[in-house]
Amino acid sequence: MNDEQRIPPSKVADDRASLTSFLDHQRATLAMKCRGLTGEQLKQKAVPTSGLTLLGLVRHAASVERSWFRFALNAEDLESLWPGEVDGTFADFHVEDADVEEAFAVWHEECAHARAVARSFASVDGTVDCGGVTISLRYVLTHMIEEYARHNGHADLLREAIDGAVGE
C-alpha cells in the first residue's frame, strides 16, 4: 500500500494551492489512518452499530474521486469501480471478498488522475456542464475536502476501536 506524505496546507496560499493542498492533506489522513493494519483489520467492522470499515472507506473514496473528477469534470464515460448495491448500501462498503492491495492501488490511481484533471483547469472558477448543471472546479475541490473530512472522522473512530490508535 502506498502512503501519501501528509503535508500541512499553507496558511498563505492562493485559492488553488489552498484547496488542492487541503484535499491532499485529507487524502493523506485517510492513508495514515490505515497505515500499519493487516488486511483483516482493514476489513474489520469495528463499531458494533455500523457496517463501516477502513477498507470500505478507501474503496468509497476511490469511487467518489472517480465520479467527481473523471465523470463530472472530465466527462469521461465510466463504469462503476464496484457496481451495485448490497442490502441498500453501495458495494464500495462491502469488503469481505475485496482485495486490499487492489483497493489501495485503485484509490491512488484515482487520486493521481483527479490531480491531473484539476491541473487541466486554468482556474478553480472554471466550469463544466454536467447533466444540465454547471459546476466549478472550486465546488468539486470543496466538496471533496468535506467528503474526506467527514469520512476521516469515521476513520478515527474505526482505527481507535481496532487497535487504540488515536490522534490526527
C-alpha atoms as a PDB file:
ATOM      1  CA  MET A   1       0.000   0.000   0.000  1.00  0.00           C
ATOM      2  CA  ASN A   2       1.380   3.428  -0.958  1.00  0.00           C
ATOM      3  CA  ASP A   3       1.143   6.072   1.726  1.00  0.00           C
ATOM      4  CA  GLU A   4       0.979   9.682   0.742  1.00  0.00           C
ATOM      5  CA  GLN A   5       3.047  12.287   2.542  1.00  0.00           C
ATOM      6  CA  ARG A   6       0.937  14.249   4.995  1.00  0.00           C
ATOM      7  CA  ILE A   7       1.959  17.847   4.382  1.00  0.00           C
ATOM      8  CA  PRO A   8       0.100  20.575   6.271  1.00  0.00           C
ATOM      9  CA  PRO A   9      -1.653  23.050   3.955  1.00  0.00           C
ATOM     10  CA  SER A  10      -0.097  26.502   3.609  1.00  0.00           C
ATOM     11  CA  LYS A  11      -1.647  29.251   5.664  1.00  0.00           C
ATOM     12  CA  VAL A  12      -0.986  31.868   2.955  1.00  0.00           C
ATOM     13  CA  ALA A  13      -1.572  30.040  -0.346  1.00  0.00           C
ATOM     14  CA  ASP A  14      -3.760  31.255  -3.184  1.00  0.00           C
ATOM     15  CA  ASP A  15      -7.151  29.592  -3.719  1.00  0.00           C
ATOM     16  CA  ARG A  16      -5.967  26.780  -5.999  1.00  0.00           C
ATOM     17  CA  ALA A  17      -2.974  25.856  -3.860  1.00  0.00           C
ATOM     18  CA  SER A  18      -5.029  26.094  -0.680  1.00  0.00           C
ATOM     19  CA  LEU A  19      -7.880  23.914  -1.924  1.00  0.00           C
ATOM     20  CA  THR A  20      -5.662  21.287  -3.542  1.00  0.00           C
ATOM     21  CA  SER A  21      -3.324  21.106  -0.549  1.00  0.00           C
ATOM     22  CA  PHE A  22      -6.235  20.743   1.884  1.00  0.00           C
ATOM     23  CA  LEU A  23      -7.618  17.944  -0.289  1.00  0.00           C
ATOM     24  CA  ASP A  24      -4.237  16.205  -0.446  1.00  0.00           C
ATOM     25  CA  HIS A  25      -3.922  16.559   3.332  1.00  0.00           C
ATOM     26  CA  GLN A  26      -7.299  14.865   3.782  1.00  0.00           C
ATOM     27  CA  ARG A  27      -6.317  12.093   1.354  1.00  0.00           C
ATOM     28  CA  ALA A  28      -3.088  11.533   3.257  1.00  0.00           C
ATOM     29  CA  THR A  29      -5.008  11.476   6.538  1.00  0.00           C
ATOM     30  CA  LEU A  30      -7.102   8.546   5.313  1.00  0.00           C
ATOM     31  CA  ALA A  31      -3.921   6.733   4.251  1.00  0.00           C
ATOM     32  CA  MET A  32      -2.408   7.432   7.678  1.00  0.00           C
ATOM     33  CA  LYS A  33      -5.459   6.005   9.460  1.00  0.00           C
ATOM     34  CA  CYS A  34      -4.989   2.764   7.507  1.00  0.00           C
ATOM     35  CA  ARG A  35      -1.209   2.537   7.852  1.00  0.00           C
ATOM     36  CA  GLY A  36       0.184  -0.468   9.700  1.00  0.00           C
ATOM     37  CA  LEU A  37      -3.006  -2.518   9.776  1.00  0.00           C
ATOM     38  CA  THR A  38      -3.457  -6.013   8.376  1.00  0.00           C
ATOM     39  CA  GLY A  39      -5.947  -6.782   5.638  1.00  0.00           C
ATOM     40  CA  GLU A  40      -8.252  -8.335   8.212  1.00  0.00           C
ATOM     41  CA  GLN A  41      -8.080  -5.231  10.397  1.00  0.00           C
ATOM     42  CA  LEU A  42      -8.842  -3.014   7.395  1.00  0.00           C
ATOM     43  CA  LYS A  43     -11.939  -5.143   6.738  1.00  0.00           C
ATOM     44  CA  GLN A  44     -12.994  -5.179  10.388  1.00  0.00           C
ATOM     45  CA  LYS A  45     -16.389  -3.747  11.302  1.00  0.00           C
ATOM     46  CA  ALA A  46     -15.019  -2.217  14.472  1.00  0.00           C
ATOM     47  CA  VAL A  47     -18.048  -0.267  15.681  1.00  0.00           C
ATOM     48  CA  PRO A  48     -20.964  -2.548  16.597  1.00  0.00           C
ATOM     49  CA  THR A  49     -23.659  -0.171  15.325  1.00  0.00           C
ATOM     50  CA  SER A  50     -22.042   0.338  11.912  1.00  0.00           C
ATOM     51  CA  GLY A  51     -21.025  -1.705   8.905  1.00  0.00           C
ATOM     52  CA  LEU A  52     -18.231   0.745   8.040  1.00  0.00           C
ATOM     53  CA  THR A  53     -14.678  -0.485   7.610  1.00  0.00           C
ATOM     54  CA  LEU A  54     -11.475   1.343   6.808  1.00  0.00           C
ATOM     55  CA  LEU A  55     -11.159  -0.589   3.547  1.00  0.00           C
ATOM     56  CA  GLY A  56     -14.744   0.326   2.693  1.00  0.00           C
ATOM     57  CA  LEU A  57     -13.859   3.993   3.213  1.00  0.00           C
ATOM     58  CA  VAL A  58     -10.846   3.627   0.884  1.00  0.00           C
ATOM     59  CA  ARG A  59     -12.966   1.975  -1.814  1.00  0.00           C
ATOM     60  CA  HIS A  60     -15.638   4.652  -1.382  1.00  0.00           C
ATOM     61  CA  ALA A  61     -13.017   7.409  -1.657  1.00  0.00           C
ATOM     62  CA  ALA A  62     -11.807   5.888  -4.928  1.00  0.00           C
ATOM     63  CA  SER A  63     -15.369   5.837  -6.273  1.00  0.00           C
ATOM     64  CA  VAL A  64     -16.048   9.426  -5.231  1.00  0.00           C
ATOM     65  CA  GLU A  65     -12.750  10.664  -6.745  1.00  0.00           C
ATOM     66  CA  ARG A  66     -13.658   8.863  -9.963  1.00  0.00           C
ATOM     67  CA  SER A  67     -17.194  10.206 -10.037  1.00  0.00           C
ATOM     68  CA  TRP A  68     -16.369  13.868  -9.454  1.00  0.00           C
ATOM     69  CA  PHE A  69     -13.125  14.244 -11.383  1.00  0.00           C
ATOM     70  CA  ARG A  70     -13.484  11.764 -14.239  1.00  0.00           C
ATOM     71  CA  PHE A  71     -17.243  11.791 -14.789  1.00  0.00           C
ATOM     72  CA  ALA A  72     -18.424  15.215 -13.640  1.00  0.00           C
ATOM     73  CA  LEU A  73     -15.432  17.419 -14.504  1.00  0.00           C
ATOM     74  CA  ASN A  74     -13.846  15.490 -17.369  1.00  0.00           C
ATOM     75  CA  ALA A  75     -16.983  13.982 -18.981  1.00  0.00           C
ATOM     76  CA  GLU A  76     -15.437  10.510 -19.151  1.00  0.00           C
ATOM     77  CA  ASP A  77     -17.783   7.622 -19.886  1.00  0.00           C
ATOM     78  CA  LEU A  78     -17.299   5.320 -16.909  1.00  0.00           C
ATOM     79  CA  GLU A  79     -18.462   2.167 -15.290  1.00  0.00           C
ATOM     80  CA  SER A  80     -18.597   1.909 -11.520  1.00  0.00           C
ATOM     81  CA  LEU A  81     -15.483   0.568  -9.839  1.00  0.00           C
ATOM     82  CA  TRP A  82     -17.546  -1.666  -7.572  1.00  0.00           C
ATOM     83  CA  PRO A  83     -21.006  -1.797  -9.142  1.00  0.00           C
ATOM     84  CA  GLY A  84     -24.272  -2.480  -7.434  1.00  0.00           C
ATOM     85  CA  GLU A  85     -25.744  -2.218  -4.008  1.00  0.00           C
ATOM     86  CA  VAL A  86     -25.800  -4.767  -1.251  1.00  0.00           C
ATOM     87  CA  ASP A  87     -28.546  -4.537   1.347  1.00  0.00           C
ATOM     88  CA  GLY A  88     -29.255  -0.941   0.289  1.00  0.00           C
ATOM     89  CA  THR A  89     -25.663   0.298   0.574  1.00  0.00           C
ATOM     90  CA  PHE A  90     -23.034   0.951  -2.082  1.00  0.00           C
ATOM     91  CA  ALA A  91     -20.896  -2.049  -2.978  1.00  0.00           C
ATOM     92  CA  ASP A  92     -17.845   0.088  -2.096  1.00  0.00           C
ATOM     93  CA  PHE A  93     -18.521  -0.676   1.551  1.00  0.00           C
ATOM     94  CA  HIS A  94     -18.828  -4.459   1.194  1.00  0.00           C
ATOM     95  CA  VAL A  95     -15.274  -5.664   1.557  1.00  0.00           C
ATOM     96  CA  GLU A  96     -15.475  -9.259   2.725  1.00  0.00           C
ATOM     97  CA  ASP A  97     -14.002 -10.556  -0.552  1.00  0.00           C
ATOM     98  CA  ALA A  98     -12.183  -7.356  -1.547  1.00  0.00           C
ATOM     99  CA  ASP A  99      -8.511  -7.349  -2.466  1.00  0.00           C
ATOM    100  CA  VAL A 100      -6.761  -4.883  -0.146  1.00  0.00           C
ATOM    101  CA  GLU A 101      -3.810  -4.126  -2.433  1.00  0.00           C
ATOM    102  CA  GLU A 102      -6.118  -3.605  -5.412  1.00  0.00           C
ATOM    103  CA  ALA A 103      -8.347  -1.216  -3.444  1.00  0.00           C
ATOM    104  CA  PHE A 104      -5.395   0.953  -2.403  1.00  0.00           C
ATOM    105  CA  ALA A 105      -3.885   0.862  -5.912  1.00  0.00           C
ATOM    106  CA  VAL A 106      -7.187   1.952  -7.463  1.00  0.00           C
ATOM    107  CA  TRP A 107      -7.608   4.714  -4.889  1.00  0.00           C
ATOM    108  CA  HIS A 108      -4.095   6.052  -5.503  1.00  0.00           C
ATOM    109  CA  GLU A 109      -4.671   5.879  -9.271  1.00  0.00           C
ATOM    110  CA  GLU A 110      -7.944   7.799  -8.975  1.00  0.00           C
ATOM    111  CA  CYS A 111      -6.285  10.447  -6.764  1.00  0.00           C
ATOM    112  CA  ALA A 112      -3.483  10.881  -9.320  1.00  0.00           C
ATOM    113  CA  HIS A 113      -5.994  11.189 -12.149  1.00  0.00           C
ATOM    114  CA  ALA A 114      -8.036  13.680 -10.113  1.00  0.00           C
ATOM    115  CA  ARG A 115      -4.945  15.846  -9.605  1.00  0.00           C
ATOM    116  CA  ALA A 116      -4.322  15.817 -13.373  1.00  0.00           C
ATOM    117  CA  VAL A 117      -7.910  16.815 -14.109  1.00  0.00           C
ATOM    118  CA  ALA A 118      -7.708  19.649 -11.563  1.00  0.00           C
ATOM    119  CA  ARG A 119      -4.463  20.900 -13.139  1.00  0.00           C
ATOM    120  CA  SER A 120      -6.151  20.972 -16.563  1.00  0.00           C
ATOM    121  CA  PHE A 121      -8.416  23.826 -15.419  1.00  0.00           C
ATOM    122  CA  ALA A 122      -6.992  27.313 -15.900  1.00  0.00           C
ATOM    123  CA  SER A 123      -8.736  28.471 -12.726  1.00  0.00           C
ATOM    124  CA  VAL A 124     -10.655  26.997  -9.801  1.00  0.00           C
ATOM    125  CA  ASP A 125     -13.548  29.074 -11.135  1.00  0.00           C
ATOM    126  CA  GLY A 126     -13.536  27.108 -14.399  1.00  0.00           C
ATOM    127  CA  THR A 127     -16.870  25.388 -15.013  1.00  0.00           C
ATOM    128  CA  VAL A 128     -18.320  22.456 -16.894  1.00  0.00           C
ATOM    129  CA  ASP A 129     -21.848  21.364 -17.693  1.00  0.00           C
ATOM    130  CA  CYS A 130     -22.656  18.064 -16.016  1.00  0.00           C
ATOM    131  CA  GLY A 131     -26.087  16.771 -16.924  1.00  0.00           C
ATOM    132  CA  GLY A 132     -27.514  20.256 -17.259  1.00  0.00           C
ATOM    133  CA  VAL A 133     -25.920  21.514 -14.043  1.00  0.00           C
ATOM    134  CA  THR A 134     -22.996  23.936 -14.099  1.00  0.00           C
ATOM    135  CA  ILE A 135     -20.271  23.030 -11.624  1.00  0.00           C
ATOM    136  CA  SER A 136     -16.912  24.616 -10.967  1.00  0.00           C
ATOM    137  CA  LEU A 137     -13.599  23.066 -10.043  1.00  0.00           C
ATOM    138  CA  ARG A 138     -13.824  25.132  -6.834  1.00  0.00           C
ATOM    139  CA  TYR A 139     -17.100  23.395  -5.930  1.00  0.00           C
ATOM    140  CA  VAL A 140     -15.673  19.927  -6.567  1.00  0.00           C
ATOM    141  CA  LEU A 141     -12.495  20.584  -4.579  1.00  0.00           C
ATOM    142  CA  THR A 142     -14.514  21.994  -1.686  1.00  0.00           C
ATOM    143  CA  HIS A 143     -16.958  19.095  -1.810  1.00  0.00           C
ATOM    144  CA  MET A 144     -14.113  16.566  -1.838  1.00  0.00           C
ATOM    145  CA  ILE A 145     -12.496  18.211   1.203  1.00  0.00           C
ATOM    146  CA  GLU A 146     -15.838  17.907   3.008  1.00  0.00           C
ATOM    147  CA  GLU A 147     -16.255  14.295   1.860  1.00  0.00           C
ATOM    148  CA  TYR A 148     -12.852  13.255   3.158  1.00  0.00           C
ATOM    149  CA  ALA A 149     -13.159  15.243   6.385  1.00  0.00           C
ATOM    150  CA  ARG A 150     -16.445  13.520   7.220  1.00  0.00           C
ATOM    151  CA  HIS A 151     -15.124  10.063   6.429  1.00  0.00           C
ATOM    152  CA  ASN A 152     -11.821  10.733   8.197  1.00  0.00           C
ATOM    153  CA  GLY A 153     -13.892  11.277  11.322  1.00  0.00           C
ATOM    154  CA  HIS A 154     -15.305   7.809  10.768  1.00  0.00           C
ATOM    155  CA  ALA A 155     -11.780   6.505  10.179  1.00  0.00           C
ATOM    156  CA  ASP A 156     -10.647   7.995  13.510  1.00  0.00           C
ATOM    157  CA  LEU A 157     -13.322   6.061  15.375  1.00  0.00           C
ATOM    158  CA  LEU A 158     -12.687   2.852  13.443  1.00  0.00           C
ATOM    159  CA  ARG A 159      -8.948   2.960  13.989  1.00  0.00           C
ATOM    160  CA  GLU A 160      -9.327   3.629  17.702  1.00  0.00           C
ATOM    161  CA  ALA A 161     -11.718   0.685  18.019  1.00  0.00           C
ATOM    162  CA  ILE A 162      -9.362  -1.613  16.105  1.00  0.00           C
ATOM    163  CA  ASP A 163      -6.097  -1.010  17.931  1.00  0.00           C
ATOM    164  CA  GLY A 164      -6.468   2.004  20.188  1.00  0.00           C
ATOM    165  CA  ALA A 165      -4.530   4.378  17.911  1.00  0.00           C
ATOM    166  CA  VAL A 166      -5.757   7.941  18.292  1.00  0.00           C
ATOM    167  CA  GLY A 167      -4.724  11.369  17.083  1.00  0.00           C
ATOM    168  CA  GLU A 168      -4.636  13.319  13.905  1.00  0.00           C
END
